[in-house]
Amino acid sequence: MSDSYYDEKDLAKFGDISQWQEKLGKKFFDYYGSVFEEGALSKREKTLIALAVAHAIQCPYCIDAYTGDSVKKGISEEEMMEALHVAAAIRGGASLVHGVQMMNKAEKLLM
């Protein structure tokens, strides 16, 4: 029995998600592969974006995968942490900006 719900060995099984729906799984993996090809953004830049998003959505599998990919691509610890801080700032800002909605509602209720 694992100590947590997350089992890092499951990351290697990601490709297995096509088993129960091969057609859609293939479409997803074709798209996924295309997204990470060199384009207007470099593969390195895309890896940093993926690492930051992985933290923002709190996916432990993605964090493991894109940390490993970052190291393979020679991305420094400082760059990885800076990308994480960008994600944290956006996530925090997104929470705070909803304060405007709260203030608007409170003003209506308190009138």
C-alpha atoms as a PDB file:
ATOM      1  CA  MET A   1       0.000   0.000   0.000  1.00  0.00           C
ATOM      2  CA  SER A   2       1.319   3.392  -0.971  1.00  0.00           C
ATOM      3  CA  ASP A   3       1.664   6.184   1.607  1.00  0.00           C
ATOM      4  CA  SER A   4      -0.172   8.552  -0.724  1.00  0.00           C
ATOM      5  CA  TYR A   5      -2.683   8.427  -3.515  1.00  0.00           C
ATOM      6  CA  TYR A   6       0.008   9.588  -5.941  1.00  0.00           C
ATOM      7  CA  ASP A   7       2.338   6.809  -7.086  1.00  0.00           C
ATOM      8  CA  GLU A   8       5.264   8.055  -9.164  1.00  0.00           C
ATOM      9  CA  LYS A   9       5.404   4.688 -10.980  1.00  0.00           C
ATOM     10  CA  ASP A  10       2.073   5.585 -12.591  1.00  0.00           C
ATOM     11  CA  LEU A  11       3.723   8.341 -14.639  1.00  0.00           C
ATOM     12  CA  ALA A  12       5.303   5.643 -16.815  1.00  0.00           C
ATOM     13  CA  LYS A  13       1.784   4.345 -17.526  1.00  0.00           C
ATOM     14  CA  PHE A  14       0.596   7.623 -19.056  1.00  0.00           C
ATOM     15  CA  GLY A  15       0.610   6.106 -22.544  1.00  0.00           C
ATOM     16  CA  ASP A  16      -1.809   3.439 -21.309  1.00  0.00           C
ATOM     17  CA  ILE A  17      -4.676   5.945 -21.200  1.00  0.00           C
ATOM     18  CA  SER A  18      -5.345   5.057 -24.830  1.00  0.00           C
ATOM     19  CA  GLN A  19      -6.246   1.467 -23.974  1.00  0.00           C
ATOM     20  CA  TRP A  20      -9.936   2.056 -23.382  1.00  0.00           C
ATOM     21  CA  GLN A  21     -10.344   4.639 -26.146  1.00  0.00           C
ATOM     22  CA  GLU A  22      -7.611   4.172 -28.702  1.00  0.00           C
ATOM     23  CA  LYS A  23      -8.949   6.644 -31.269  1.00  0.00           C
ATOM     24  CA  LEU A  24      -9.195   9.555 -28.842  1.00  0.00           C
ATOM     25  CA  GLY A  25      -5.952   8.597 -27.090  1.00  0.00           C
ATOM     26  CA  LYS A  26      -4.103   8.717 -30.404  1.00  0.00           C
ATOM     27  CA  LYS A  27      -5.593  12.114 -31.213  1.00  0.00           C
ATOM     28  CA  PHE A  28      -4.528  13.439 -27.825  1.00  0.00           C
ATOM     29  CA  PHE A  29      -0.965  12.130 -28.080  1.00  0.00           C
ATOM     30  CA  ASP A  30      -0.625  13.418 -31.664  1.00  0.00           C
ATOM     31  CA  TYR A  31      -1.748  16.841 -30.467  1.00  0.00           C
ATOM     32  CA  TYR A  32       0.413  16.689 -27.330  1.00  0.00           C
ATOM     33  CA  GLY A  33       3.478  15.813 -29.382  1.00  0.00           C
ATOM     34  CA  SER A  34       2.779  18.611 -31.869  1.00  0.00           C
ATOM     35  CA  VAL A  35       2.417  21.175 -29.096  1.00  0.00           C
ATOM     36  CA  PHE A  36       5.943  20.487 -27.846  1.00  0.00           C
ATOM     37  CA  GLU A  37       7.634  20.648 -31.250  1.00  0.00           C
ATOM     38  CA  GLU A  38       9.914  23.571 -32.019  1.00  0.00           C
ATOM     39  CA  GLY A  39       7.868  26.508 -33.259  1.00  0.00           C
ATOM     40  CA  ALA A  40       7.585  30.197 -32.442  1.00  0.00           C
ATOM     41  CA  LEU A  41       8.624  29.050 -28.964  1.00  0.00           C
ATOM     42  CA  SER A  42      11.639  26.837 -28.450  1.00  0.00           C
ATOM     43  CA  LYS A  43      11.308  23.383 -26.906  1.00  0.00           C
ATOM     44  CA  ARG A  44      13.173  24.778 -23.912  1.00  0.00           C
ATOM     45  CA  GLU A  45      10.682  27.629 -23.474  1.00  0.00           C
ATOM     46  CA  LYS A  46       7.781  25.209 -23.790  1.00  0.00           C
ATOM     47  CA  THR A  47       9.290  22.998 -21.091  1.00  0.00           C
ATOM     48  CA  LEU A  48       9.532  25.969 -18.709  1.00  0.00           C
ATOM     49  CA  ILE A  49       5.920  26.904 -19.450  1.00  0.00           C
ATOM     50  CA  ALA A  50       4.843  23.308 -18.854  1.00  0.00           C
ATOM     51  CA  LEU A  51       6.772  23.217 -15.570  1.00  0.00           C
ATOM     52  CA  ALA A  52       5.111  26.423 -14.383  1.00  0.00           C
ATOM     53  CA  VAL A  53       1.639  25.239 -15.413  1.00  0.00           C
ATOM     54  CA  ALA A  54       2.263  21.879 -13.719  1.00  0.00           C
ATOM     55  CA  HIS A  55       2.758  23.722 -10.443  1.00  0.00           C
ATOM     56  CA  ALA A  56      -0.234  26.008 -11.010  1.00  0.00           C
ATOM     57  CA  ILE A  57      -2.540  23.021 -11.561  1.00  0.00           C
ATOM     58  CA  GLN A  58      -0.704  21.031  -8.872  1.00  0.00           C
ATOM     59  CA  CYS A  59      -0.154  17.886 -10.952  1.00  0.00           C
ATOM     60  CA  PRO A  60       2.572  15.792  -9.281  1.00  0.00           C
ATOM     61  CA  TYR A  61       3.024  13.663 -12.409  1.00  0.00           C
ATOM     62  CA  CYS A  62       3.547  16.769 -14.545  1.00  0.00           C
ATOM     63  CA  ILE A  63       5.887  18.312 -11.981  1.00  0.00           C
ATOM     64  CA  ASP A  64       8.037  15.161 -12.052  1.00  0.00           C
ATOM     65  CA  ALA A  65       7.945  14.910 -15.844  1.00  0.00           C
ATOM     66  CA  TYR A  66       8.771  18.545 -16.577  1.00  0.00           C
ATOM     67  CA  THR A  67      11.368  18.824 -13.827  1.00  0.00           C
ATOM     68  CA  GLY A  68      13.123  15.866 -15.428  1.00  0.00           C
ATOM     69  CA  ASP A  69      12.710  17.368 -18.894  1.00  0.00           C
ATOM     70  CA  SER A  70      14.065  20.690 -17.626  1.00  0.00           C
ATOM     71  CA  VAL A  71      17.176  19.039 -16.220  1.00  0.00           C
ATOM     72  CA  LYS A  72      17.712  17.121 -19.488  1.00  0.00           C
ATOM     73  CA  LYS A  73      17.469  20.376 -21.434  1.00  0.00           C
ATOM     74  CA  GLY A  74      20.033  22.078 -19.196  1.00  0.00           C
ATOM     75  CA  ILE A  75      17.566  24.444 -17.559  1.00  0.00           C
ATOM     76  CA  SER A  76      19.064  25.702 -14.312  1.00  0.00           C
ATOM     77  CA  GLU A  77      17.505  25.446 -10.880  1.00  0.00           C
ATOM     78  CA  GLU A  78      17.264  29.243 -10.818  1.00  0.00           C
ATOM     79  CA  GLU A  79      15.334  29.278 -14.113  1.00  0.00           C
ATOM     80  CA  MET A  80      12.995  26.517 -12.917  1.00  0.00           C
ATOM     81  CA  MET A  81      12.290  28.372  -9.675  1.00  0.00           C
ATOM     82  CA  GLU A  82      11.751  31.647 -11.496  1.00  0.00           C
ATOM     83  CA  ALA A  83       9.199  29.942 -13.763  1.00  0.00           C
ATOM     84  CA  LEU A  84       7.463  28.600 -10.650  1.00  0.00           C
ATOM     85  CA  HIS A  85       7.339  32.093  -9.172  1.00  0.00           C
ATOM     86  CA  VAL A  86       5.741  33.405 -12.360  1.00  0.00           C
ATOM     87  CA  ALA A  87       3.048  30.729 -12.021  1.00  0.00           C
ATOM     88  CA  ALA A  88       2.586  31.550  -8.330  1.00  0.00           C
ATOM     89  CA  ALA A  89       2.242  35.267  -9.063  1.00  0.00           C
ATOM     90  CA  ILE A  90      -0.381  34.637 -11.745  1.00  0.00           C
ATOM     91  CA  ARG A  91      -2.260  32.176  -9.544  1.00  0.00           C
ATOM     92  CA  GLY A  92      -2.159  34.554  -6.588  1.00  0.00           C
ATOM     93  CA  GLY A  93      -3.170  37.500  -8.730  1.00  0.00           C
ATOM     94  CA  ALA A  94      -6.077  35.528 -10.162  1.00  0.00           C
ATOM     95  CA  SER A  95      -7.323  34.883  -6.639  1.00  0.00           C
ATOM     96  CA  LEU A  96      -6.907  38.499  -5.625  1.00  0.00           C
ATOM     97  CA  VAL A  97      -8.584  39.982  -8.700  1.00  0.00           C
ATOM     98  CA  HIS A  98     -11.718  38.070  -7.745  1.00  0.00           C
ATOM     99  CA  GLY A  99     -11.737  40.344  -4.713  1.00  0.00           C
ATOM    100  CA  VAL A 100     -13.273  42.948  -7.022  1.00  0.00           C
ATOM    101  CA  GLN A 101     -16.266  40.639  -7.447  1.00  0.00           C
ATOM    102  CA  MET A 102     -16.476  40.279  -3.649  1.00  0.00           C
ATOM    103  CA  MET A 103     -16.263  44.043  -3.169  1.00  0.00           C
ATOM    104  CA  ASN A 104     -18.950  44.662  -5.802  1.00  0.00           C
ATOM    105  CA  LYS A 105     -21.280  42.126  -4.166  1.00  0.00           C
ATOM    106  CA  ALA A 106     -20.609  43.450  -0.666  1.00  0.00           C
ATOM    107  CA  GLU A 107     -21.288  47.023  -1.793  1.00  0.00           C
ATOM    108  CA  LYS A 108     -24.657  45.955  -3.240  1.00  0.00           C
ATOM    109  CA  LEU A 109     -25.588  44.079  -0.074  1.00  0.00           C
ATOM    110  CA  LEU A 110     -24.487  46.869   2.244  1.00  0.00           C
ATOM    111  CA  MET A 111     -26.316  49.674   0.388  1.00  0.00           C
END
